[in-house]
Amino acid sequence: MNEALADIAAVADPVDRAKRAAAFMETMRTEAMPQARQIRQEAVKELRAEGKSLAEIGSLLGLDRNRVQQISEGRTGGKGKSAAPDNSES
């Protein structure tokens, strides 16, 4: 990813550079972020399976216990937004 950003930053034409940066940001939003959310959710579920409480996980991750619960349930932090819960382990 850093190499891709360096390549974009090296584009001489500012219009082309801005367009490439916008395209990269859209790719991150639509592809990388959902994958990162799933990885984080799975890690939180793993910690829960080990017997850690929401408060303990929150302390480890620097998050409020309510946010840890949201992550565990597959909910995003945005108002009115909710990712489809990951039921693959059900």
C-alpha atoms as a PDB file:
ATOM      1  CA  MET A   1       0.000   0.000   0.000  1.00  0.00           C
ATOM      2  CA  ASN A   2       2.811   2.443   0.825  1.00  0.00           C
ATOM      3  CA  GLU A   3       4.329   1.750  -2.589  1.00  0.00           C
ATOM      4  CA  ALA A   4       1.012   2.547  -4.275  1.00  0.00           C
ATOM      5  CA  LEU A   5       0.788   5.828  -2.375  1.00  0.00           C
ATOM      6  CA  ALA A   6       4.378   6.689  -3.262  1.00  0.00           C
ATOM      7  CA  ASP A   7       3.580   6.036  -6.929  1.00  0.00           C
ATOM      8  CA  ILE A   8       0.556   8.334  -6.725  1.00  0.00           C
ATOM      9  CA  ALA A   9       2.551  11.040  -4.937  1.00  0.00           C
ATOM     10  CA  ALA A  10       5.174  10.897  -7.701  1.00  0.00           C
ATOM     11  CA  VAL A  11       2.684  11.734 -10.481  1.00  0.00           C
ATOM     12  CA  ALA A  12       3.743  15.121 -11.848  1.00  0.00           C
ATOM     13  CA  ASP A  13       0.373  16.386 -13.070  1.00  0.00           C
ATOM     14  CA  PRO A  14      -1.677  17.568 -10.062  1.00  0.00           C
ATOM     15  CA  VAL A  15      -5.014  16.791 -11.737  1.00  0.00           C
ATOM     16  CA  ASP A  16      -3.943  13.242 -12.553  1.00  0.00           C
ATOM     17  CA  ARG A  17      -2.417  12.869  -9.062  1.00  0.00           C
ATOM     18  CA  ALA A  18      -5.661  14.015  -7.417  1.00  0.00           C
ATOM     19  CA  LYS A  19      -7.761  11.664  -9.569  1.00  0.00           C
ATOM     20  CA  ARG A  20      -5.474   8.731  -8.808  1.00  0.00           C
ATOM     21  CA  ALA A  21      -5.568   9.549  -5.097  1.00  0.00           C
ATOM     22  CA  ALA A  22      -9.376   9.676  -5.184  1.00  0.00           C
ATOM     23  CA  ALA A  23      -9.527   6.319  -6.978  1.00  0.00           C
ATOM     24  CA  PHE A  24      -7.160   4.829  -4.405  1.00  0.00           C
ATOM     25  CA  MET A  25      -9.295   6.169  -1.559  1.00  0.00           C
ATOM     26  CA  GLU A  26     -12.420   4.644  -3.111  1.00  0.00           C
ATOM     27  CA  THR A  27     -10.667   1.290  -3.445  1.00  0.00           C
ATOM     28  CA  MET A  28      -9.665   1.458   0.203  1.00  0.00           C
ATOM     29  CA  ARG A  29     -13.222   2.291   1.230  1.00  0.00           C
ATOM     30  CA  THR A  30     -14.878  -0.439  -0.805  1.00  0.00           C
ATOM     31  CA  GLU A  31     -12.305  -3.238  -0.591  1.00  0.00           C
ATOM     32  CA  ALA A  32      -9.753  -2.842   2.189  1.00  0.00           C
ATOM     33  CA  MET A  33     -11.980  -1.419   4.923  1.00  0.00           C
ATOM     34  CA  PRO A  34     -14.524  -4.264   4.862  1.00  0.00           C
ATOM     35  CA  GLN A  35     -11.693  -6.798   5.000  1.00  0.00           C
ATOM     36  CA  ALA A  36     -10.019  -4.958   7.872  1.00  0.00           C
ATOM     37  CA  ARG A  37     -13.348  -4.792   9.746  1.00  0.00           C
ATOM     38  CA  GLN A  38     -13.820  -8.535   9.341  1.00  0.00           C
ATOM     39  CA  ILE A  39     -10.290  -9.251  10.591  1.00  0.00           C
ATOM     40  CA  ARG A  40     -10.905  -7.032  13.621  1.00  0.00           C
ATOM     41  CA  GLN A  41     -14.294  -8.640  14.309  1.00  0.00           C
ATOM     42  CA  GLU A  42     -12.793 -12.123  14.143  1.00  0.00           C
ATOM     43  CA  ALA A  43     -10.009 -11.089  16.540  1.00  0.00           C
ATOM     44  CA  VAL A  44     -12.554  -9.713  19.029  1.00  0.00           C
ATOM     45  CA  LYS A  45     -14.604 -12.908  18.755  1.00  0.00           C
ATOM     46  CA  GLU A  46     -11.449 -14.920  19.385  1.00  0.00           C
ATOM     47  CA  LEU A  47     -10.727 -12.905  22.526  1.00  0.00           C
ATOM     48  CA  ARG A  48     -14.325 -13.472  23.681  1.00  0.00           C
ATOM     49  CA  ALA A  49     -13.949 -17.216  23.037  1.00  0.00           C
ATOM     50  CA  GLU A  50     -10.859 -17.142  25.263  1.00  0.00           C
ATOM     51  CA  GLY A  51     -13.132 -15.889  28.042  1.00  0.00           C
ATOM     52  CA  LYS A  52     -12.178 -12.221  28.065  1.00  0.00           C
ATOM     53  CA  SER A  53     -14.921  -9.771  28.993  1.00  0.00           C
ATOM     54  CA  LEU A  54     -15.957  -6.859  26.804  1.00  0.00           C
ATOM     55  CA  ALA A  55     -14.344  -4.516  29.339  1.00  0.00           C
ATOM     56  CA  GLU A  56     -11.065  -6.465  29.272  1.00  0.00           C
ATOM     57  CA  ILE A  57     -10.982  -6.435  25.481  1.00  0.00           C
ATOM     58  CA  GLY A  58     -11.807  -2.745  25.482  1.00  0.00           C
ATOM     59  CA  SER A  59      -8.903  -2.080  27.813  1.00  0.00           C
ATOM     60  CA  LEU A  60      -6.550  -4.088  25.600  1.00  0.00           C
ATOM     61  CA  LEU A  61      -7.670  -2.295  22.434  1.00  0.00           C
ATOM     62  CA  GLY A  62      -8.179   1.167  23.892  1.00  0.00           C
ATOM     63  CA  LEU A  63     -11.918   1.061  23.202  1.00  0.00           C
ATOM     64  CA  ASP A  64     -15.084   1.419  25.237  1.00  0.00           C
ATOM     65  CA  ARG A  65     -16.750  -1.894  26.090  1.00  0.00           C
ATOM     66  CA  ASN A  66     -19.847  -0.817  24.135  1.00  0.00           C
ATOM     67  CA  ARG A  67     -17.723  -0.322  21.013  1.00  0.00           C
ATOM     68  CA  VAL A  68     -16.186  -3.767  21.522  1.00  0.00           C
ATOM     69  CA  GLN A  69     -19.698  -5.232  21.630  1.00  0.00           C
ATOM     70  CA  GLN A  70     -20.596  -3.410  18.398  1.00  0.00           C
ATOM     71  CA  ILE A  71     -17.479  -4.774  16.713  1.00  0.00           C
ATOM     72  CA  SER A  72     -18.236  -8.274  17.959  1.00  0.00           C
ATOM     73  CA  GLU A  73     -21.728  -8.025  16.463  1.00  0.00           C
ATOM     74  CA  GLY A  74     -20.426  -6.671  13.160  1.00  0.00           C
ATOM     75  CA  ARG A  75     -21.918  -3.212  13.608  1.00  0.00           C
ATOM     76  CA  THR A  76     -20.098  -0.143  12.335  1.00  0.00           C
ATOM     77  CA  GLY A  77     -19.719   2.962  14.447  1.00  0.00           C
ATOM     78  CA  GLY A  78     -21.611   5.262  12.078  1.00  0.00           C
ATOM     79  CA  LYS A  79     -25.085   6.518  12.925  1.00  0.00           C
ATOM     80  CA  GLY A  80     -27.753   4.594  11.095  1.00  0.00           C
ATOM     81  CA  LYS A  81     -25.215   2.310   9.467  1.00  0.00           C
ATOM     82  CA  SER A  82     -24.877  -1.356  10.157  1.00  0.00           C
ATOM     83  CA  ALA A  83     -22.763  -3.933   8.455  1.00  0.00           C
ATOM     84  CA  ALA A  84     -24.373  -7.280   7.919  1.00  0.00           C
ATOM     85  CA  PRO A  85     -23.493  -9.410  10.941  1.00  0.00           C
ATOM     86  CA  ASP A  86     -20.945 -12.110  10.260  1.00  0.00           C
ATOM     87  CA  ASN A  87     -22.826 -15.318  10.980  1.00  0.00           C
ATOM     88  CA  SER A  88     -20.225 -17.656   9.513  1.00  0.00           C
ATOM     89  CA  GLU A  89     -19.462 -19.127  12.948  1.00  0.00           C
ATOM     90  CA  SER A  90     -23.092 -19.646  13.960  1.00  0.00           C
END
